[in-house]
């Protein structure tokens, strides 16, 4: 809640979602999703965004190992 409040204060009008599912529920309003979650979640989050049909950019590292990175690619 604190981070959401800070985001709203810094960027008036920004939409803040509690979780990835909430964000992707609004996928029709999205141009791109930037995955900047903890590194261990990058693969799951990137794959969920791709499955929702939204372009994705993933912060480094893409994955924790090569096989997981290949799944995203």
C-alpha atoms as a PDB file:
ATOM      1  CA  UNK A   1       0.000   0.000   0.000  1.00  0.00           C
ATOM      2  CA  UNK A   2       2.829   2.438   0.759  1.00  0.00           C
ATOM      3  CA  UNK A   3       4.445   1.947  -2.633  1.00  0.00           C
ATOM      4  CA  UNK A   4       1.098   2.363  -4.378  1.00  0.00           C
ATOM      5  CA  UNK A   5       0.504   5.613  -2.498  1.00  0.00           C
ATOM      6  CA  UNK A   6       3.976   6.875  -3.443  1.00  0.00           C
ATOM      7  CA  UNK A   7       3.390   5.994  -7.089  1.00  0.00           C
ATOM      8  CA  UNK A   8       0.066   7.840  -7.074  1.00  0.00           C
ATOM      9  CA  UNK A   9       1.744  10.880  -5.491  1.00  0.00           C
ATOM     10  CA  UNK A  10       4.631  10.848  -7.995  1.00  0.00           C
ATOM     11  CA  UNK A  11       2.532  10.151 -11.094  1.00  0.00           C
ATOM     12  CA  UNK A  12      -1.009  11.515 -10.756  1.00  0.00           C
ATOM     13  CA  UNK A  13      -3.477   9.386 -12.683  1.00  0.00           C
ATOM     14  CA  UNK A  14      -1.285   6.275 -12.617  1.00  0.00           C
ATOM     15  CA  UNK A  15      -3.132   2.983 -12.252  1.00  0.00           C
ATOM     16  CA  UNK A  16      -1.681   0.769  -9.544  1.00  0.00           C
ATOM     17  CA  UNK A  17      -2.511  -2.939  -9.373  1.00  0.00           C
ATOM     18  CA  UNK A  18      -2.060  -5.164  -6.357  1.00  0.00           C
ATOM     19  CA  UNK A  19      -0.844  -8.111  -8.441  1.00  0.00           C
ATOM     20  CA  UNK A  20      -0.029  -9.279 -11.952  1.00  0.00           C
ATOM     21  CA  UNK A  21      -3.462 -10.823 -12.431  1.00  0.00           C
ATOM     22  CA  UNK A  22      -5.100  -7.467 -11.724  1.00  0.00           C
ATOM     23  CA  UNK A  23      -2.787  -5.757 -14.164  1.00  0.00           C
ATOM     24  CA  UNK A  24      -3.440  -8.282 -16.910  1.00  0.00           C
ATOM     25  CA  UNK A  25      -7.189  -8.037 -16.361  1.00  0.00           C
ATOM     26  CA  UNK A  26      -6.784  -4.540 -17.842  1.00  0.00           C
ATOM     27  CA  UNK A  27      -4.692  -5.827 -20.762  1.00  0.00           C
ATOM     28  CA  UNK A  28      -6.780  -4.024 -23.385  1.00  0.00           C
ATOM     29  CA  UNK A  29      -5.500  -0.731 -21.964  1.00  0.00           C
ATOM     30  CA  UNK A  30      -1.831  -1.816 -22.010  1.00  0.00           C
ATOM     31  CA  UNK A  31       0.741  -1.046 -24.668  1.00  0.00           C
ATOM     32  CA  UNK A  32       3.586  -2.899 -22.940  1.00  0.00           C
ATOM     33  CA  UNK A  33       4.428  -4.390 -19.555  1.00  0.00           C
ATOM     34  CA  UNK A  34       7.873  -3.956 -18.026  1.00  0.00           C
ATOM     35  CA  UNK A  35       8.698  -6.854 -15.715  1.00  0.00           C
ATOM     36  CA  UNK A  36      10.849  -5.478 -12.901  1.00  0.00           C
ATOM     37  CA  UNK A  37       9.846  -7.923 -10.184  1.00  0.00           C
ATOM     38  CA  UNK A  38      12.433  -9.903  -8.184  1.00  0.00           C
ATOM     39  CA  UNK A  39      14.664 -11.876 -10.563  1.00  0.00           C
ATOM     40  CA  UNK A  40      13.304 -15.245  -9.451  1.00  0.00           C
ATOM     41  CA  UNK A  41       9.851 -14.220 -10.685  1.00  0.00           C
ATOM     42  CA  UNK A  42      10.876 -12.866 -14.093  1.00  0.00           C
ATOM     43  CA  UNK A  43      10.152 -16.057 -16.038  1.00  0.00           C
ATOM     44  CA  UNK A  44       6.700 -16.663 -14.558  1.00  0.00           C
ATOM     45  CA  UNK A  45       5.726 -13.014 -14.924  1.00  0.00           C
ATOM     46  CA  UNK A  46       7.061 -12.702 -18.484  1.00  0.00           C
ATOM     47  CA  UNK A  47       5.260 -15.872 -19.579  1.00  0.00           C
ATOM     48  CA  UNK A  48       1.994 -14.652 -18.028  1.00  0.00           C
ATOM     49  CA  UNK A  49       2.275 -11.336 -19.874  1.00  0.00           C
ATOM     50  CA  UNK A  50       3.033 -13.085 -23.169  1.00  0.00           C
ATOM     51  CA  UNK A  51       0.090 -15.456 -22.622  1.00  0.00           C
ATOM     52  CA  UNK A  52      -2.125 -12.398 -22.140  1.00  0.00           C
ATOM     53  CA  UNK A  53      -1.008 -11.127 -25.553  1.00  0.00           C
ATOM     54  CA  UNK A  54       0.763  -8.019 -24.263  1.00  0.00           C
ATOM     55  CA  UNK A  55       4.289  -7.032 -25.396  1.00  0.00           C
ATOM     56  CA  UNK A  56       6.808  -7.439 -22.581  1.00  0.00           C
ATOM     57  CA  UNK A  57      10.197  -6.035 -21.628  1.00  0.00           C
ATOM     58  CA  UNK A  58      12.045  -7.904 -18.882  1.00  0.00           C
ATOM     59  CA  UNK A  59      14.555  -6.257 -16.568  1.00  0.00           C
ATOM     60  CA  UNK A  60      17.912  -8.029 -16.237  1.00  0.00           C
ATOM     61  CA  UNK A  61      18.429 -10.874 -15.704  1.00  0.00           C
ATOM     62  CA  UNK A  62      15.874 -12.452 -18.004  1.00  0.00           C
ATOM     63  CA  UNK A  63      16.023 -15.665 -15.953  1.00  0.00           C
ATOM     64  CA  UNK A  64      18.148 -17.418 -13.369  1.00  0.00           C
ATOM     65  CA  UNK A  65      19.417 -20.053 -15.827  1.00  0.00           C
ATOM     66  CA  UNK A  66      19.674 -20.653 -19.566  1.00  0.00           C
ATOM     67  CA  UNK A  67      16.830 -23.206 -19.896  1.00  0.00           C
ATOM     68  CA  UNK A  68      14.401 -20.837 -18.180  1.00  0.00           C
ATOM     69  CA  UNK A  69      15.559 -17.946 -20.356  1.00  0.00           C
ATOM     70  CA  UNK A  70      15.016 -20.087 -23.452  1.00  0.00           C
ATOM     71  CA  UNK A  71      11.410 -20.751 -22.357  1.00  0.00           C
ATOM     72  CA  UNK A  72      10.772 -17.010 -22.317  1.00  0.00           C
ATOM     73  CA  UNK A  73      12.460 -16.467 -25.672  1.00  0.00           C
END
